[in-house]
C-alpha cells in the first residue's frame, strides 16, 4: 500500500502532466507598440500555473531601435495599470 506522501507526490505529478488549455495567437501591427485585446477574454483555471512564450517573430525589416534598454515583452491584464 502506498503512503500518504507517495499519494501526494503522484497527485502532484498527475496535475502537472494533464493537458491544459492552450491558445495560438497571431498579433500583427506596424507601430512600435502593439496592443491586443482578446474578445472573448482568455480564461485560465485557478488551479493551474501558466506560462506565456513568444514562439516566433517574423519580420520583413530589421529592428534598428531595439537595444538592451527596451528589449522586452510586457503583458498586462489590466490595461497597464499595475506593472
Protein backbone atom coordinates (compact mmCIF):
# COMPACT_ATOMS: atom_id res chain seq x y z
CA UNK A 1 0.00 0.00 0.00
CA UNK A 2 1.24 3.47 -0.88
CA UNK A 3 1.99 6.02 1.84
CA UNK A 4 0.27 9.38 2.09
CA UNK A 5 3.46 11.13 0.90
CA UNK A 6 3.64 8.87 -2.15
CA UNK A 7 -0.02 9.53 -2.98
CA UNK A 8 0.51 13.28 -2.66
CA UNK A 9 3.53 13.06 -4.95
CA UNK A 10 1.56 11.07 -7.53
CA UNK A 11 -1.35 13.55 -7.39
CA UNK A 12 1.08 16.44 -7.94
CA UNK A 13 2.67 14.59 -10.86
CA UNK A 14 -0.72 13.95 -12.48
CA UNK A 15 -1.69 17.62 -12.01
CA UNK A 16 1.45 18.73 -13.87
CA UNK A 17 1.17 16.33 -16.80
CA UNK A 18 -2.55 16.66 -17.51
CA UNK A 19 -3.29 18.56 -20.73
CA UNK A 20 -4.00 22.22 -20.09
CA UNK A 21 -5.78 24.78 -22.24
CA UNK A 22 -3.59 26.47 -24.83
CA UNK A 23 -4.08 29.18 -27.42
CA UNK A 24 -2.25 30.11 -30.58
CA UNK A 25 -2.46 33.86 -31.11
CA UNK A 26 -1.28 35.87 -34.09
CA UNK A 27 -0.50 39.51 -33.38
CA UNK A 28 0.42 41.94 -36.11
CA UNK A 29 0.97 45.67 -36.40
CA UNK A 30 3.11 48.43 -37.85
CA UNK A 31 3.68 50.64 -34.81
CA UNK A 32 6.45 50.41 -32.21
CA UNK A 33 3.87 49.42 -29.57
CA UNK A 34 1.40 46.68 -30.40
CA UNK A 35 -1.68 46.34 -28.21
CA UNK A 36 -4.01 43.35 -28.49
CA UNK A 37 -7.31 42.83 -26.71
CA UNK A 38 -8.81 39.35 -26.55
CA UNK A 39 -12.53 39.09 -27.09
CA UNK A 40 -13.73 36.92 -25.57
CA UNK A 41 -11.02 37.08 -22.89
CA UNK A 42 -8.77 34.09 -22.27
CA UNK A 43 -9.99 32.18 -19.21
CA UNK A 44 -7.43 30.35 -17.08
CA UNK A 45 -8.50 27.89 -14.37
CA UNK A 46 -7.26 28.97 -10.92
CA UNK A 47 -5.77 25.58 -10.04
CA UNK A 48 -3.05 25.71 -12.73
CA UNK A 49 0.21 27.60 -13.22
CA UNK A 50 0.66 29.16 -16.64
CA UNK A 51 3.49 30.39 -18.80
CA UNK A 52 3.49 32.57 -21.88
CA UNK A 53 6.01 32.25 -24.68
CA UNK A 54 6.81 34.04 -27.87
CA UNK A 55 7.30 31.17 -30.32
CA UNK A 56 8.48 33.23 -33.25
CA UNK A 57 8.85 36.73 -34.64
CA UNK A 58 8.65 37.13 -38.39
CA UNK A 59 9.56 40.44 -39.96
CA UNK A 60 10.47 41.77 -43.35
CA UNK A 61 12.55 44.54 -41.81
CA UNK A 62 15.16 44.80 -39.10
CA UNK A 63 14.64 46.38 -35.69
CA UNK A 64 17.28 49.15 -35.53
CA UNK A 65 15.67 50.82 -32.49
CA UNK A 66 15.88 47.75 -30.20
CA UNK A 67 18.75 47.67 -27.71
CA UNK A 68 19.39 46.34 -24.17
CA UNK A 69 17.21 49.06 -22.59
CA UNK A 70 13.99 48.16 -24.44
CA UNK A 71 14.41 44.52 -25.47
CA UNK A 72 11.36 43.12 -23.64
CA UNK A 73 7.77 41.96 -23.94
CA UNK A 74 5.23 43.24 -21.43
CA UNK A 75 1.92 41.56 -20.69
CA UNK A 76 -0.88 43.34 -18.83
CA UNK A 77 -4.26 42.05 -17.78
CA UNK A 78 -5.45 45.45 -16.54
CA UNK A 79 -4.54 47.84 -19.35
CA UNK A 80 -1.09 48.58 -17.93
CA UNK A 81 -2.33 49.99 -14.60
CA UNK A 82 -0.22 47.58 -12.49
CA UNK A 83 3.27 46.89 -13.71
